[in-house]
Structures are given as structure tokens and as C-alpha cells.
Amino acid sequence: MTTTGPQARTVRVPAERLRAFCEAALKKAGLTEEDARLVADTLVEADLRGVHSHGLILLVRYCRGLLMGYVNPRPRVRV
């Protein structure tokens, strides 16, 4: 059978390595260490559960939002 276009590839990366990568990217984009860890954990857990729409696919969007000033990395939350 002949196929056209790029073939899909699956690359498996250990979850802890993904968490570390995400956390580092989010810290570099401006989040505190605690917030970066929380977001990284959430993104990786979503992918591990198969909810890819809420997983690592969002990392670039989150980092871009932080770097461009669309997201406040240190909001003053009051209740």
C-alpha cells in the first residue's frame, strides 16, 4: 500500500522527564517555581490520562502568553 504525506510517529518520553522539561520552560517564561511545578504536573497528568486537549499541547500557548504579557505570572489574588 502506498501512502502520501508524513507518517505519524509516536515518541515515548518518561513522565518525569516531561515534567522537568515543562517546569523549566514555564519558569523561564516567568512563573514561580511552585506555580511552574503545579502547571507542569497538571499538563503531564492530563496526557497520561489520555485527555490530550488539556495536556502538553498547551505548553507553547501558556509560555507564549506569559512571554507576551497576556498572562500575569504573579497576580495579586484577593478574596
C-alpha atoms as a PDB file:
ATOM      1  CA  MET A   1       0.000   0.000   0.000  1.00  0.00           C
ATOM      2  CA  THR A   2       1.260   3.459  -0.886  1.00  0.00           C
ATOM      3  CA  THR A   3       0.728   6.380   1.464  1.00  0.00           C
ATOM      4  CA  THR A   4       1.293  10.052   0.902  1.00  0.00           C
ATOM      5  CA  GLY A   5       2.222  12.725   3.405  1.00  0.00           C
ATOM      6  CA  PRO A   6       4.198  12.413   6.604  1.00  0.00           C
ATOM      7  CA  GLN A   7       3.694   9.278   8.648  1.00  0.00           C
ATOM      8  CA  ALA A   8       2.682   9.671  12.275  1.00  0.00           C
ATOM      9  CA  ARG A   9       5.353   8.768  14.790  1.00  0.00           C
ATOM     10  CA  THR A  10       4.939   8.108  18.461  1.00  0.00           C
ATOM     11  CA  VAL A  11       7.792   9.057  20.738  1.00  0.00           C
ATOM     12  CA  ARG A  12       7.638   7.837  24.317  1.00  0.00           C
ATOM     13  CA  VAL A  13       9.256  10.018  26.959  1.00  0.00           C
ATOM     14  CA  PRO A  14       9.244   9.228  30.694  1.00  0.00           C
ATOM     15  CA  ALA A  15       6.669  11.318  32.575  1.00  0.00           C
ATOM     16  CA  GLU A  16       9.257  12.729  34.994  1.00  0.00           C
ATOM     17  CA  ARG A  17      11.388  13.942  32.108  1.00  0.00           C
ATOM     18  CA  LEU A  18       8.346  15.703  30.596  1.00  0.00           C
ATOM     19  CA  ARG A  19       7.502  17.264  33.958  1.00  0.00           C
ATOM     20  CA  ALA A  20      11.044  18.597  34.312  1.00  0.00           C
ATOM     21  CA  PHE A  21      11.011  19.992  30.780  1.00  0.00           C
ATOM     22  CA  CYS A  22       7.622  21.680  31.261  1.00  0.00           C
ATOM     23  CA  GLU A  23       8.603  23.101  34.626  1.00  0.00           C
ATOM     24  CA  ALA A  24      11.835  24.549  33.226  1.00  0.00           C
ATOM     25  CA  ALA A  25      10.017  26.117  30.261  1.00  0.00           C
ATOM     26  CA  LEU A  26       7.346  27.662  32.482  1.00  0.00           C
ATOM     27  CA  LYS A  27       9.926  29.047  34.935  1.00  0.00           C
ATOM     28  CA  LYS A  28      11.875  30.545  32.044  1.00  0.00           C
ATOM     29  CA  ALA A  29       8.620  32.135  30.829  1.00  0.00           C
ATOM     30  CA  GLY A  30       8.140  33.809  34.218  1.00  0.00           C
ATOM     31  CA  LEU A  31       6.246  31.525  36.592  1.00  0.00           C
ATOM     32  CA  THR A  32       7.438  30.911  40.130  1.00  0.00           C
ATOM     33  CA  GLU A  33       8.933  27.507  40.844  1.00  0.00           C
ATOM     34  CA  GLU A  34       5.804  26.447  42.753  1.00  0.00           C
ATOM     35  CA  ASP A  35       3.412  27.565  40.006  1.00  0.00           C
ATOM     36  CA  ALA A  36       5.577  26.062  37.262  1.00  0.00           C
ATOM     37  CA  ARG A  37       5.593  22.723  39.088  1.00  0.00           C
ATOM     38  CA  LEU A  38       1.811  22.780  39.544  1.00  0.00           C
ATOM     39  CA  VAL A  39       1.124  23.588  35.879  1.00  0.00           C
ATOM     40  CA  ALA A  40       3.693  21.050  34.643  1.00  0.00           C
ATOM     41  CA  ASP A  41       2.144  18.333  36.826  1.00  0.00           C
ATOM     42  CA  THR A  42      -1.328  19.176  35.535  1.00  0.00           C
ATOM     43  CA  LEU A  43      -0.305  19.115  31.862  1.00  0.00           C
ATOM     44  CA  VAL A  44       1.563  15.822  32.149  1.00  0.00           C
ATOM     45  CA  GLU A  45      -1.227  14.184  34.179  1.00  0.00           C
ATOM     46  CA  ALA A  46      -3.783  15.194  31.550  1.00  0.00           C
ATOM     47  CA  ASP A  47      -1.719  13.485  28.846  1.00  0.00           C
ATOM     48  CA  LEU A  48      -1.200  10.394  30.991  1.00  0.00           C
ATOM     49  CA  ARG A  49      -4.971  10.136  31.435  1.00  0.00           C
ATOM     50  CA  GLY A  50      -5.490  10.461  27.683  1.00  0.00           C
ATOM     51  CA  VAL A  51      -7.010  13.952  27.806  1.00  0.00           C
ATOM     52  CA  HIS A  52      -4.535  15.346  25.278  1.00  0.00           C
ATOM     53  CA  SER A  53      -6.564  18.504  24.633  1.00  0.00           C
ATOM     54  CA  HIS A  54      -5.653  19.614  28.180  1.00  0.00           C
ATOM     55  CA  GLY A  55      -2.093  18.295  28.176  1.00  0.00           C
ATOM     56  CA  LEU A  56       1.294  19.216  26.783  1.00  0.00           C
ATOM     57  CA  ILE A  57      -0.261  20.604  23.627  1.00  0.00           C
ATOM     58  CA  LEU A  58      -0.996  23.724  25.728  1.00  0.00           C
ATOM     59  CA  LEU A  59       2.594  24.305  26.885  1.00  0.00           C
ATOM     60  CA  VAL A  60       3.576  26.529  23.948  1.00  0.00           C
ATOM     61  CA  ARG A  61       0.370  28.569  24.290  1.00  0.00           C
ATOM     62  CA  TYR A  62       0.937  29.063  28.026  1.00  0.00           C
ATOM     63  CA  CYS A  63       4.592  30.068  27.596  1.00  0.00           C
ATOM     64  CA  ARG A  64       3.785  32.401  24.719  1.00  0.00           C
ATOM     65  CA  GLY A  65       1.014  34.046  26.765  1.00  0.00           C
ATOM     66  CA  LEU A  66       3.400  34.598  29.662  1.00  0.00           C
ATOM     67  CA  LEU A  67       6.226  35.934  27.494  1.00  0.00           C
ATOM     68  CA  MET A  68       3.966  38.291  25.531  1.00  0.00           C
ATOM     69  CA  GLY A  69       2.350  39.688  28.673  1.00  0.00           C
ATOM     70  CA  TYR A  70      -1.120  38.261  28.059  1.00  0.00           C
ATOM     71  CA  VAL A  71      -0.912  36.254  31.286  1.00  0.00           C
ATOM     72  CA  ASN A  72       0.152  37.745  34.623  1.00  0.00           C
ATOM     73  CA  PRO A  73       2.672  35.320  36.155  1.00  0.00           C
ATOM     74  CA  ARG A  74       2.321  36.826  39.642  1.00  0.00           C
ATOM     75  CA  PRO A  75      -1.234  38.054  40.169  1.00  0.00           C
ATOM     76  CA  ARG A  76      -2.372  39.556  43.455  1.00  0.00           C
ATOM     77  CA  VAL A  77      -5.365  37.402  44.247  1.00  0.00           C
ATOM     78  CA  ARG A  78      -7.730  38.736  46.908  1.00  0.00           C
ATOM     79  CA  VAL A  79     -10.822  37.098  48.320  1.00  0.00           C
END
